[in-house]
Amino acid sequence: MPNWRGRVSRRKGEDKSFWITYSDLMSSLLLVFVLVLFFSVYQYYQMNDTRMAELDLKQEELDLKQVELNALIVTLSKQEDRLRLQSSELDLAWGQLDEQAALLEEKDEQLKLHEVNLTAAEYAIVLQSRELENLKDQLDAQEVALDTARESHAVEVQGLMTQKTELEQILGVKKTS
């Protein structure tokens, strides 16, 4: 008997078919797709959980690195402040060094002037010592001449005394003392 719905009816007593019907195959195929889909979704969520755990671990590492970086930034800031302070001290020292260099140059000029004056004074002393030696030589010569003049004067006085004595003896006049 034909079925108006498009199905062939089975008759009682007909041999049962061992073949699976088309709708059963489609249902099985759908079940396989659903299982594959569930397995894929399960793997996706498992992989997502793994990635999230890795991301959390990376975030913790990143937070640790950020804390270390902040500590390094604070240390760097302190070192920069210390460097600025040392730089200002160095600038001050350079200013003092420049002042001392200018003072040294001034003192050097004064020293050169004093050296010139000292050289002139030494030259004047040498000239005065030569003049003093000449004057000593002249004095010695004059003393020798004076001694010679005294000796000759003494000799003349002696000679005059001798002549006076002789004259008195000749004249016979002797003064009585």
Protein backbone atom coordinates (compact mmCIF):
# COMPACT_ATOMS: atom_id res chain seq x y z
CA MET A 1 0.00 0.00 0.00
CA PRO A 2 1.30 3.22 -1.03
CA ASN A 3 1.77 5.92 1.52
CA TRP A 4 0.79 9.28 0.37
CA ARG A 5 3.42 10.99 2.27
CA GLY A 6 6.22 9.78 0.16
CA ARG A 7 7.24 6.87 2.22
CA VAL A 8 7.08 3.38 1.24
CA SER A 9 5.36 1.34 3.86
CA ARG A 10 6.72 -1.88 4.90
CA ARG A 11 4.68 -4.77 4.74
CA LYS A 12 4.38 -7.10 7.52
CA GLY A 13 6.41 -10.02 6.90
CA GLU A 14 8.84 -8.29 4.61
CA ASP A 15 12.42 -8.79 5.29
CA LYS A 16 13.88 -6.09 7.52
CA SER A 17 16.60 -4.11 5.92
CA PHE A 18 19.99 -4.08 7.45
CA TRP A 19 20.79 -0.83 5.85
CA ILE A 20 20.44 2.29 7.86
CA THR A 21 17.95 4.74 6.59
CA TYR A 22 18.91 8.08 5.14
CA SER A 23 17.54 10.07 8.08
CA ASP A 24 19.42 7.87 10.55
CA LEU A 25 22.62 8.56 8.63
CA MET A 26 21.95 12.26 8.70
CA SER A 27 21.23 12.14 12.44
CA SER A 28 24.46 10.26 13.03
CA LEU A 29 26.34 12.73 10.89
CA LEU A 30 24.78 15.59 12.84
CA LEU A 31 25.78 13.88 16.07
CA VAL A 32 29.38 13.56 14.83
CA PHE A 33 29.38 17.26 13.89
CA VAL A 34 27.99 18.18 17.30
CA LEU A 35 30.62 16.03 19.01
CA VAL A 36 33.38 17.59 16.90
CA LEU A 37 31.95 21.04 17.63
CA PHE A 38 31.83 20.33 21.39
CA PHE A 39 35.36 18.94 21.28
CA SER A 40 36.55 22.03 19.37
CA VAL A 41 34.81 24.36 21.80
CA TYR A 42 36.27 22.40 24.72
CA GLN A 43 39.77 22.67 23.21
CA TYR A 44 39.21 26.36 22.53
CA TYR A 45 38.21 27.06 26.14
CA GLN A 46 41.02 24.86 27.45
CA MET A 47 43.51 26.67 25.21
CA ASN A 48 41.92 29.97 26.25
CA ASP A 49 42.33 29.03 29.93
CA THR A 50 45.95 28.07 29.28
CA ARG A 51 46.54 31.34 27.48
CA MET A 52 44.82 33.27 30.26
CA ALA A 53 47.02 31.53 32.83
CA GLU A 54 50.06 32.37 30.73
CA LEU A 55 48.81 35.94 30.38
CA ASP A 56 48.28 36.16 34.14
CA LEU A 57 51.80 34.85 34.69
CA LYS A 58 53.15 37.32 32.14
CA GLN A 59 51.14 40.10 33.81
CA GLU A 60 52.64 39.19 37.19
CA GLU A 61 56.11 39.19 35.61
CA LEU A 62 55.30 42.50 33.96
CA ASP A 63 54.10 43.91 37.30
CA LEU A 64 57.31 42.70 38.95
CA LYS A 65 59.35 44.27 36.17
CA GLN A 66 57.31 47.47 36.55
CA VAL A 67 58.09 47.55 40.28
CA GLU A 68 61.78 46.98 39.51
CA LEU A 69 61.61 49.66 36.83
CA ASN A 70 59.98 52.10 39.26
CA ALA A 71 62.72 51.34 41.81
CA LEU A 72 65.33 51.91 39.12
CA ILE A 73 63.61 55.15 38.10
CA VAL A 74 63.69 56.34 41.72
CA THR A 75 67.37 55.35 41.98
CA LEU A 76 68.09 57.05 38.67
CA SER A 77 66.26 60.16 39.84
CA LYS A 78 68.33 60.24 43.03
CA GLN A 79 71.51 59.76 41.02
CA GLU A 80 70.46 62.53 38.63
CA ASP A 81 69.87 64.84 41.60
CA ARG A 82 73.26 63.88 43.02
CA LEU A 83 74.82 64.43 39.60
CA ARG A 84 73.17 67.87 39.32
CA LEU A 85 74.49 68.75 42.78
CA GLN A 86 77.96 67.54 41.88
CA SER A 87 77.73 69.43 38.58
CA SER A 88 76.85 72.65 40.39
CA GLU A 89 79.68 72.03 42.86
CA LEU A 90 82.00 71.39 39.93
CA ASP A 91 80.85 74.62 38.25
CA LEU A 92 81.52 76.47 41.51
CA ALA A 93 84.94 74.85 41.76
CA TRP A 94 85.68 75.81 38.14
CA GLY A 95 84.68 79.40 38.96
CA GLN A 96 87.00 79.40 41.97
CA LEU A 97 89.73 77.82 39.85
CA ASP A 98 89.31 80.55 37.23
CA GLU A 99 89.51 83.22 39.94
CA GLN A 100 92.61 81.60 41.37
CA ALA A 101 94.12 81.34 37.89
CA ALA A 102 93.51 85.07 37.35
CA LEU A 103 95.01 85.81 40.79
CA LEU A 104 97.97 83.58 39.94
CA GLU A 105 98.51 85.45 36.68
CA GLU A 106 98.39 88.75 38.55
CA LYS A 107 100.87 87.46 41.14
CA ASP A 108 103.05 86.13 38.33
CA GLU A 109 103.09 89.59 36.73
CA GLN A 110 103.97 91.12 40.09
CA LEU A 111 106.71 88.53 40.54
CA LYS A 112 108.13 89.35 37.12
CA LEU A 113 108.08 93.06 38.03
CA HIS A 114 109.81 92.31 41.34
CA GLU A 115 112.36 90.18 39.49
CA VAL A 116 113.08 93.07 37.13
CA ASN A 117 113.37 95.43 40.11
CA LEU A 118 115.58 92.89 41.92
CA THR A 119 117.80 92.53 38.86
CA ALA A 120 118.08 96.31 38.62
CA ALA A 121 118.86 96.52 42.36
CA GLU A 122 121.47 93.76 42.03
CA TYR A 123 123.03 95.63 39.13
CA ALA A 124 123.00 98.82 41.18
CA ILE A 125 124.61 96.93 44.10
CA VAL A 126 127.27 95.55 41.77
CA LEU A 127 127.95 99.09 40.46
CA GLN A 128 128.01 100.49 44.00
CA SER A 129 130.32 97.70 45.18
CA ARG A 130 132.66 98.42 42.28
CA GLU A 131 132.48 102.11 43.11
CA LEU A 132 133.08 101.24 46.79
CA GLU A 133 136.09 99.11 45.79
CA ASN A 134 137.38 102.00 43.69
CA LEU A 135 136.83 104.36 46.62
CA LYS A 136 138.60 101.88 48.93
CA ASP A 137 141.46 101.69 46.49
CA GLN A 138 141.55 105.49 46.37
CA LEU A 139 141.36 105.64 50.18
CA ASP A 140 144.13 103.09 50.48
CA ALA A 141 146.17 105.08 47.98
CA GLN A 142 145.41 108.29 49.89
CA GLU A 143 146.30 106.59 53.21
CA VAL A 144 149.55 105.42 51.68
CA ALA A 145 150.13 108.91 50.35
CA LEU A 146 149.18 110.34 53.75
CA ASP A 147 151.47 107.90 55.52
CA THR A 148 154.16 108.79 53.06
CA ALA A 149 153.41 112.49 53.58
CA ARG A 150 153.48 112.00 57.37
CA GLU A 151 156.70 110.15 57.15
CA SER A 152 158.13 112.79 54.94
CA HIS A 153 156.64 115.46 57.19
CA ALA A 154 158.09 113.65 60.22
CA VAL A 155 161.40 113.47 58.41
CA GLU A 156 161.13 117.16 57.54
CA VAL A 157 160.14 118.00 61.13
CA GLN A 158 163.06 115.92 62.32
CA GLY A 159 165.24 117.64 59.82
CA LEU A 160 163.90 121.02 60.90
CA MET A 161 164.43 120.11 64.52
CA THR A 162 167.90 119.02 63.73
CA GLN A 163 168.49 122.28 61.88
CA LYS A 164 166.99 124.23 64.69
CA THR A 165 169.24 122.51 67.16
CA GLU A 166 172.19 123.16 64.95
CA LEU A 167 171.17 126.77 64.50
CA GLU A 168 170.80 127.21 68.17
CA GLN A 169 174.15 125.68 68.76
CA ILE A 170 175.56 127.88 66.16
CA LEU A 171 173.93 130.92 67.50
CA GLY A 172 174.49 129.86 71.01
CA VAL A 173 171.24 130.87 72.09
CA LYS A 174 169.48 128.27 73.90
CA LYS A 175 166.30 128.83 75.29
CA THR A 176 165.84 127.71 78.71
CA SER A 177 162.80 125.93 79.38
